[in-house]
Amino acid sequence: MEIEVTIIMPSYNRYPLNQLSLYALEKQNFDLSKMEVILIDDASTDQTPKIKEYRPPYHFQYIRNSTNVGVAASRNIGLRHAR
């Protein structure tokens, strides 16, 4: 199935908010098979790496930066991985 919507989520130390946002996306009135979410962890020091184990009903990619590159560079990384 073709992806129609890509959501790019750059993040730094926002574990609980990211988790809630990802759960909320599961409740959307949209065909989840046509949606992808790319979370870019910008070298967080909190529990954000736990999100890589998350298995939602939509296409999900977790990307972790080895160093903090900032929000704009993280968005660009997400854009390069988008379908």
Foldseek 3Di string as FASTA:
>chain_A
DEADEEAEAEDAQPQVVVVVVVVVVLPDPDDQQNYEYEYEYQCHPDPNVVCCPDDGPHHYHYHYDNHRPDDVVSVVVSVVVDD
